[in-house]
Amino acid sequence: MTKPEKSYDRDLSYSQWHRTLSDKCYMVDIDGIEVRFHSLERKIVAVIETRDYRASKLPQWRIDTLIDLANGVKAPAFIIRHNCCQQFNGVLSHKNSFRFNILHLQSKTKKTMTETEYRNFLEGSILSFNNDIGFSNAKG
């Protein structure tokens, strides 16, 4: 069953306000933190920045910040580039046209996945409670 979207049109008022601060104040908007539950224990298993395939490259300071955060909670950090917007704008004819380009930030390992592969990555044992993420040389 699909979970209802709760953010809808995102309120950008805080972001706009924060941009009025001096140049010494930087903020990183993190797109996702994957969490898993095992018995009564909660574990952060990944820090994720999602990017539409058309988006510009992230500046290195933002990448470093994501890595620092992920390392602090002993989890991997990923940038996920996707073409989901095409599906929801009616461009792609079927869901198997989704593509997810995954960059594991700590190891700099890249993988391209179909929607089914990415679902398995998120739902399956790859992002399990034991952090078996399936990327070589991965830290976390």
N, C-alpha and C. Protein backbone atom coordinates (compact mmCIF):
# COMPACT_ATOMS: atom_id res chain seq x y z
N MET A 1 0.83 -1.17 0.00
CA MET A 1 0.00 0.00 0.00
C MET A 1 0.88 1.25 0.00
N THR A 2 0.51 2.21 -0.79
CA THR A 2 1.27 3.45 -0.89
C THR A 2 0.98 4.33 0.31
N LYS A 3 2.03 4.88 0.89
CA LYS A 3 1.88 5.79 2.02
C LYS A 3 1.48 7.17 1.49
N PRO A 4 0.63 7.89 2.20
CA PRO A 4 0.24 9.21 1.72
C PRO A 4 1.39 10.21 1.78
N GLU A 5 1.46 11.08 0.80
CA GLU A 5 2.46 12.15 0.77
C GLU A 5 2.07 13.17 1.83
N LYS A 6 3.02 13.53 2.70
CA LYS A 6 2.69 14.45 3.78
C LYS A 6 3.27 15.83 3.57
N SER A 7 4.25 15.98 2.69
CA SER A 7 4.88 17.29 2.54
C SER A 7 4.20 18.15 1.49
N TYR A 8 3.57 17.54 0.51
CA TYR A 8 2.90 18.27 -0.57
C TYR A 8 3.82 19.35 -1.11
N ASP A 9 3.30 20.54 -1.28
CA ASP A 9 4.17 21.63 -1.71
C ASP A 9 4.93 22.08 -0.47
N ARG A 10 6.22 21.92 -0.52
CA ARG A 10 7.05 22.19 0.65
C ARG A 10 7.10 23.67 0.97
N ASP A 11 6.97 23.98 2.22
CA ASP A 11 7.06 25.35 2.70
C ASP A 11 8.53 25.77 2.69
N LEU A 12 8.86 26.75 1.89
CA LEU A 12 10.23 27.22 1.77
C LEU A 12 10.50 28.49 2.58
N SER A 13 9.55 28.90 3.40
CA SER A 13 9.70 30.18 4.10
C SER A 13 10.92 30.19 5.03
N TYR A 14 11.19 29.10 5.75
CA TYR A 14 12.36 29.09 6.62
C TYR A 14 13.64 29.15 5.78
N SER A 15 13.68 28.40 4.71
CA SER A 15 14.85 28.42 3.83
C SER A 15 15.08 29.83 3.29
N GLN A 16 14.01 30.47 2.87
CA GLN A 16 14.14 31.84 2.35
C GLN A 16 14.61 32.79 3.45
N TRP A 17 14.07 32.63 4.65
CA TRP A 17 14.51 33.46 5.75
C TRP A 17 15.98 33.22 6.06
N HIS A 18 16.39 31.94 6.11
CA HIS A 18 17.77 31.59 6.45
C HIS A 18 18.75 32.20 5.45
N ARG A 19 18.35 32.35 4.22
CA ARG A 19 19.21 32.94 3.19
C ARG A 19 19.47 34.42 3.42
N THR A 20 18.71 35.03 4.32
CA THR A 20 18.94 36.45 4.64
C THR A 20 20.04 36.62 5.67
N LEU A 21 20.51 35.52 6.28
CA LEU A 21 21.59 35.58 7.26
C LEU A 21 22.91 35.84 6.57
N SER A 22 23.90 36.16 7.34
CA SER A 22 25.22 36.46 6.77
C SER A 22 25.81 35.23 6.07
N ASP A 23 26.87 35.47 5.31
CA ASP A 23 27.53 34.41 4.55
C ASP A 23 28.24 33.39 5.44
N LYS A 24 28.29 33.63 6.74
CA LYS A 24 28.93 32.64 7.62
C LYS A 24 27.95 31.56 8.07
N CYS A 25 26.68 31.69 7.72
CA CYS A 25 25.65 30.72 8.14
C CYS A 25 25.21 29.88 6.94
N TYR A 26 25.57 28.61 6.97
CA TYR A 26 25.19 27.69 5.90
C TYR A 26 24.27 26.63 6.46
N MET A 27 23.33 26.16 5.66
CA MET A 27 22.41 25.12 6.08
C MET A 27 22.32 24.08 4.96
N VAL A 28 22.31 22.82 5.34
CA VAL A 28 22.14 21.73 4.38
C VAL A 28 20.77 21.10 4.62
N ASP A 29 19.96 21.06 3.60
CA ASP A 29 18.65 20.42 3.66
C ASP A 29 18.85 18.95 3.27
N ILE A 30 18.73 18.06 4.24
CA ILE A 30 18.95 16.63 3.99
C ILE A 30 17.62 16.03 3.53
N ASP A 31 17.67 15.28 2.45
CA ASP A 31 16.44 14.74 1.88
C ASP A 31 15.90 13.54 2.64
N GLY A 32 16.77 12.68 3.13
CA GLY A 32 16.24 11.50 3.78
C GLY A 32 17.20 10.83 4.73
N ILE A 33 16.63 10.27 5.76
CA ILE A 33 17.38 9.41 6.67
C ILE A 33 16.60 8.11 6.74
N GLU A 34 17.19 7.02 6.26
CA GLU A 34 16.56 5.70 6.29
C GLU A 34 16.74 5.12 7.68
N VAL A 35 15.65 4.66 8.26
CA VAL A 35 15.65 4.11 9.62
C VAL A 35 15.07 2.71 9.57
N ARG A 36 15.63 1.80 10.37
CA ARG A 36 15.11 0.45 10.50
C ARG A 36 14.88 0.17 11.98
N PHE A 37 13.86 -0.65 12.25
CA PHE A 37 13.53 -1.04 13.61
C PHE A 37 13.74 -2.54 13.75
N HIS A 38 14.33 -2.93 14.85
CA HIS A 38 14.53 -4.34 15.17
C HIS A 38 14.16 -4.51 16.63
N SER A 39 13.11 -5.27 16.87
CA SER A 39 12.54 -5.37 18.22
C SER A 39 12.19 -3.95 18.66
N LEU A 40 12.75 -3.50 19.75
CA LEU A 40 12.45 -2.15 20.22
C LEU A 40 13.58 -1.17 19.91
N GLU A 41 14.54 -1.61 19.13
CA GLU A 41 15.70 -0.78 18.82
C GLU A 41 15.54 -0.11 17.46
N ARG A 42 15.94 1.16 17.39
CA ARG A 42 15.88 1.95 16.16
C ARG A 42 17.30 2.22 15.70
N LYS A 43 17.54 2.10 14.40
CA LYS A 43 18.88 2.35 13.87
C LYS A 43 18.79 3.15 12.57
N ILE A 44 19.63 4.19 12.47
CA ILE A 44 19.76 4.93 11.22
C ILE A 44 20.67 4.10 10.33
N VAL A 45 20.19 3.75 9.14
CA VAL A 45 20.97 2.89 8.25
C VAL A 45 21.51 3.62 7.03
N ALA A 46 21.05 4.85 6.77
CA ALA A 46 21.59 5.60 5.64
C ALA A 46 21.15 7.06 5.70
N VAL A 47 22.04 7.93 5.23
CA VAL A 47 21.73 9.35 5.02
C VAL A 47 21.69 9.52 3.51
N ILE A 48 20.57 10.06 3.00
CA ILE A 48 20.36 10.10 1.55
C ILE A 48 20.05 11.51 1.07
N GLU A 49 20.76 11.92 0.06
CA GLU A 49 20.47 13.16 -0.67
C GLU A 49 19.93 12.74 -2.03
N THR A 50 18.72 13.12 -2.35
CA THR A 50 18.15 12.78 -3.66
C THR A 50 18.28 13.97 -4.60
N ARG A 51 18.53 13.64 -5.85
CA ARG A 51 18.71 14.68 -6.87
C ARG A 51 18.00 14.24 -8.14
N ASP A 52 17.20 15.12 -8.69
CA ASP A 52 16.66 14.88 -10.02
C ASP A 52 17.84 14.79 -10.99
N TYR A 53 17.71 13.95 -12.01
CA TYR A 53 18.84 13.76 -12.94
C TYR A 53 19.27 15.05 -13.62
N ARG A 54 18.41 16.06 -13.63
CA ARG A 54 18.75 17.33 -14.28
C ARG A 54 19.44 18.30 -13.33
N ALA A 55 19.49 17.97 -12.04
CA ALA A 55 20.03 18.90 -11.03
C ALA A 55 21.54 19.05 -11.18
N SER A 56 22.03 20.19 -10.76
CA SER A 56 23.46 20.45 -10.81
C SER A 56 24.19 19.60 -9.76
N LYS A 57 25.49 19.50 -9.93
CA LYS A 57 26.32 18.75 -9.01
C LYS A 57 26.37 19.47 -7.66
N LEU A 58 26.39 18.67 -6.59
CA LEU A 58 26.49 19.26 -5.25
C LEU A 58 27.89 19.83 -5.03
N PRO A 59 28.00 20.95 -4.34
CA PRO A 59 29.33 21.46 -3.99
C PRO A 59 29.99 20.52 -2.98
N GLN A 60 31.29 20.47 -3.00
CA GLN A 60 32.04 19.53 -2.17
C GLN A 60 31.76 19.73 -0.67
N TRP A 61 31.57 20.96 -0.23
CA TRP A 61 31.31 21.18 1.19
C TRP A 61 30.02 20.51 1.63
N ARG A 62 29.02 20.44 0.75
CA ARG A 62 27.76 19.76 1.10
C ARG A 62 27.97 18.24 1.14
N ILE A 63 28.74 17.72 0.20
CA ILE A 63 29.06 16.29 0.20
C ILE A 63 29.80 15.94 1.49
N ASP A 64 30.80 16.74 1.84
CA ASP A 64 31.57 16.50 3.06
C ASP A 64 30.68 16.55 4.31
N THR A 65 29.71 17.46 4.31
CA THR A 65 28.79 17.56 5.44
C THR A 65 27.94 16.31 5.56
N LEU A 66 27.44 15.79 4.43
CA LEU A 66 26.66 14.55 4.45
C LEU A 66 27.50 13.38 4.97
N ILE A 67 28.74 13.31 4.53
CA ILE A 67 29.64 12.24 4.99
C ILE A 67 29.89 12.37 6.49
N ASP A 68 30.16 13.58 6.97
CA ASP A 68 30.39 13.80 8.40
C ASP A 68 29.18 13.36 9.22
N LEU A 69 27.99 13.74 8.77
CA LEU A 69 26.77 13.36 9.48
C LEU A 69 26.61 11.84 9.49
N ALA A 70 26.77 11.22 8.34
CA ALA A 70 26.61 9.77 8.24
C ALA A 70 27.64 9.04 9.10
N ASN A 71 28.88 9.48 9.03
CA ASN A 71 29.93 8.86 9.86
C ASN A 71 29.62 9.01 11.34
N GLY A 72 29.04 10.14 11.70
CA GLY A 72 28.70 10.39 13.10
C GLY A 72 27.66 9.43 13.64
N VAL A 73 26.78 8.95 12.77
CA VAL A 73 25.76 7.98 13.20
C VAL A 73 26.09 6.57 12.72
N LYS A 74 27.32 6.40 12.22
CA LYS A 74 27.83 5.10 11.75
C LYS A 74 26.93 4.50 10.67
N ALA A 75 26.63 5.32 9.67
CA ALA A 75 25.78 4.90 8.55
C ALA A 75 26.41 5.35 7.24
N PRO A 76 26.06 4.70 6.15
CA PRO A 76 26.54 5.16 4.86
C PRO A 76 25.78 6.41 4.39
N ALA A 77 26.42 7.18 3.53
CA ALA A 77 25.79 8.34 2.92
C ALA A 77 25.70 8.09 1.41
N PHE A 78 24.56 8.47 0.83
CA PHE A 78 24.34 8.25 -0.60
C PHE A 78 23.80 9.50 -1.25
N ILE A 79 24.19 9.72 -2.50
CA ILE A 79 23.49 10.65 -3.38
C ILE A 79 22.77 9.78 -4.39
N ILE A 80 21.46 9.96 -4.49
CA ILE A 80 20.63 9.19 -5.41
C ILE A 80 20.13 10.13 -6.49
N ARG A 81 20.63 9.94 -7.70
CA ARG A 81 20.11 10.70 -8.85
C ARG A 81 19.04 9.85 -9.51
N HIS A 82 17.92 10.46 -9.84
CA HIS A 82 16.78 9.68 -10.34
C HIS A 82 16.05 10.44 -11.45
N ASN A 83 15.20 9.72 -12.14
CA ASN A 83 14.36 10.34 -13.17
C ASN A 83 12.87 10.17 -12.83
N CYS A 84 12.54 10.09 -11.55
CA CYS A 84 11.15 9.90 -11.11
C CYS A 84 10.23 10.99 -11.62
N CYS A 85 10.74 12.20 -11.76
CA CYS A 85 9.90 13.31 -12.20
C CYS A 85 9.28 13.03 -13.57
N GLN A 86 9.98 12.30 -14.41
CA GLN A 86 9.44 12.00 -15.74
C GLN A 86 8.20 11.12 -15.63
N GLN A 87 8.21 10.16 -14.72
CA GLN A 87 7.06 9.28 -14.55
C GLN A 87 5.84 10.09 -14.11
N PHE A 88 6.03 10.96 -13.15
CA PHE A 88 4.90 11.68 -12.59
C PHE A 88 4.46 12.84 -13.48
N ASN A 89 5.28 13.19 -14.46
CA ASN A 89 4.86 14.19 -15.45
C ASN A 89 4.36 13.54 -16.72
N GLY A 90 4.22 12.20 -16.72
CA GLY A 90 3.67 11.48 -17.85
C GLY A 90 4.64 11.22 -18.99
N VAL A 91 5.95 11.43 -18.78
CA VAL A 91 6.92 11.23 -19.85
C VAL A 91 7.26 9.75 -20.01
N LEU A 92 7.47 9.04 -18.91
CA LEU A 92 7.82 7.63 -18.99
C LEU A 92 6.55 6.80 -19.15
N SER A 93 6.64 5.77 -19.97
CA SER A 93 5.46 4.98 -20.27
C SER A 93 5.16 3.91 -19.22
N HIS A 94 6.17 3.45 -18.52
CA HIS A 94 5.95 2.44 -17.48
C HIS A 94 7.00 2.57 -16.40
N LYS A 95 6.67 2.04 -15.22
CA LYS A 95 7.54 2.27 -14.06
C LYS A 95 8.91 1.64 -14.21
N ASN A 96 9.07 0.64 -15.07
CA ASN A 96 10.38 0.03 -15.25
C ASN A 96 11.36 0.96 -15.94
N SER A 97 10.90 2.14 -16.34
CA SER A 97 11.78 3.12 -16.95
C SER A 97 12.52 3.96 -15.92
N PHE A 98 12.15 3.81 -14.65
CA PHE A 98 12.87 4.54 -13.60
C PHE A 98 14.33 4.11 -13.59
N ARG A 99 15.21 5.06 -13.35
CA ARG A 99 16.63 4.75 -13.17
C ARG A 99 17.11 5.50 -11.94
N PHE A 100 17.90 4.80 -11.14
CA PHE A 100 18.46 5.37 -9.93
C PHE A 100 19.97 5.21 -10.00
N ASN A 101 20.67 6.32 -10.08
CA ASN A 101 22.13 6.32 -10.08
C ASN A 101 22.57 6.60 -8.65
N ILE A 102 23.22 5.63 -8.05
CA ILE A 102 23.56 5.69 -6.64
C ILE A 102 25.05 5.88 -6.46
N LEU A 103 25.41 6.90 -5.69
CA LEU A 103 26.80 7.14 -5.33
C LEU A 103 26.93 6.96 -3.83
N HIS A 104 27.71 5.97 -3.42
CA HIS A 104 28.02 5.79 -2.00
C HIS A 104 29.17 6.74 -1.71
N LEU A 105 28.93 7.74 -0.87
CA LEU A 105 29.88 8.83 -0.71
C LEU A 105 31.18 8.42 -0.03
N GLN A 106 31.11 7.56 0.98
CA GLN A 106 32.34 7.20 1.69
C GLN A 106 33.30 6.42 0.79
N SER A 107 32.79 5.50 -0.02
CA SER A 107 33.68 4.68 -0.87
C SER A 107 33.80 5.23 -2.29
N LYS A 108 32.93 6.19 -2.65
CA LYS A 108 32.86 6.75 -4.00
C LYS A 108 32.49 5.69 -5.04
N THR A 109 31.81 4.64 -4.60
CA THR A 109 31.34 3.58 -5.48
C THR A 109 30.01 3.99 -6.10
N LYS A 110 29.86 3.70 -7.40
CA LYS A 110 28.64 4.06 -8.11
C LYS A 110 27.94 2.81 -8.61
N LYS A 111 26.61 2.85 -8.61
CA LYS A 111 25.80 1.79 -9.20
C LYS A 111 24.58 2.44 -9.84
N THR A 112 24.12 1.85 -10.92
CA THR A 112 22.86 2.24 -11.53
C THR A 112 21.88 1.11 -11.31
N MET A 113 20.68 1.46 -10.87
CA MET A 113 19.67 0.45 -10.57
C MET A 113 18.35 0.78 -11.25
N THR A 114 17.63 -0.27 -11.58
CA THR A 114 16.25 -0.12 -12.03
C THR A 114 15.39 0.13 -10.80
N GLU A 115 14.11 0.40 -11.01
CA GLU A 115 13.23 0.60 -9.86
C GLU A 115 13.18 -0.65 -8.99
N THR A 116 13.06 -1.81 -9.61
CA THR A 116 13.01 -3.06 -8.85
C THR A 116 14.28 -3.27 -8.04
N GLU A 117 15.43 -3.02 -8.63
CA GLU A 117 16.70 -3.17 -7.91
C GLU A 117 16.80 -2.17 -6.76
N TYR A 118 16.35 -0.95 -7.00
CA TYR A 118 16.42 0.07 -5.93
C TYR A 118 15.45 -0.26 -4.80
N ARG A 119 14.26 -0.74 -5.15
CA ARG A 119 13.32 -1.19 -4.11
C ARG A 119 13.96 -2.28 -3.26
N ASN A 120 14.59 -3.25 -3.92
CA ASN A 120 15.26 -4.33 -3.19
C ASN A 120 16.39 -3.79 -2.32
N PHE A 121 17.08 -2.80 -2.84
CA PHE A 121 18.16 -2.15 -2.09
C PHE A 121 17.62 -1.54 -0.80
N LEU A 122 16.49 -0.83 -0.89
CA LEU A 122 15.92 -0.17 0.28
C LEU A 122 15.16 -1.13 1.19
N GLU A 123 14.37 -2.02 0.59
CA GLU A 123 13.51 -2.89 1.39
C GLU A 123 14.18 -4.19 1.82
N GLY A 124 15.17 -4.61 1.10
CA GLY A 124 15.77 -5.90 1.35
C GLY A 124 16.89 -5.86 2.37
N SER A 125 17.69 -6.85 2.34
CA SER A 125 18.74 -7.01 3.33
C SER A 125 19.92 -6.07 3.10
N ILE A 126 19.98 -5.40 1.95
CA ILE A 126 21.13 -4.54 1.67
C ILE A 126 21.19 -3.39 2.66
N LEU A 127 20.07 -2.77 2.98
CA LEU A 127 20.04 -1.75 4.03
C LEU A 127 19.38 -2.36 5.26
N SER A 128 19.92 -3.46 5.70
CA SER A 128 19.34 -4.17 6.83
C SER A 128 19.79 -3.55 8.15
N PHE A 129 19.27 -4.08 9.21
CA PHE A 129 19.63 -3.59 10.54
C PHE A 129 21.12 -3.72 10.80
N ASN A 130 21.78 -4.66 10.13
CA ASN A 130 23.21 -4.87 10.34
C ASN A 130 24.08 -4.03 9.41
N ASN A 131 23.46 -3.12 8.63
CA ASN A 131 24.21 -2.23 7.74
C ASN A 131 25.00 -2.97 6.66
N ASP A 132 24.49 -4.08 6.18
CA ASP A 132 25.14 -4.79 5.08
C ASP A 132 24.70 -4.11 3.80
N ILE A 133 25.46 -3.11 3.36
CA ILE A 133 24.99 -2.24 2.28
C ILE A 133 25.38 -2.69 0.89
N GLY A 134 26.27 -3.67 0.77
CA GLY A 134 26.56 -4.20 -0.54
C GLY A 134 27.46 -3.34 -1.42
N PHE A 135 28.18 -2.41 -0.86
CA PHE A 135 29.13 -1.61 -1.61
C PHE A 135 30.53 -1.95 -1.12
N SER A 136 31.43 -2.17 -2.05
CA SER A 136 32.80 -2.50 -1.63
C SER A 136 33.45 -1.29 -0.97
N ASN A 137 34.30 -1.57 -0.01
CA ASN A 137 35.05 -0.55 0.74
C ASN A 137 34.15 0.44 1.45
N ALA A 138 32.91 0.05 1.72
CA ALA A 138 31.98 0.98 2.36
C ALA A 138 32.27 1.08 3.84
N LYS A 139 32.13 2.30 4.34
CA LYS A 139 32.26 2.54 5.77
C LYS A 139 30.85 2.72 6.31
N GLY A 140 30.67 2.39 7.55
CA GLY A 140 29.35 2.65 8.12
C GLY A 140 28.92 1.61 9.08
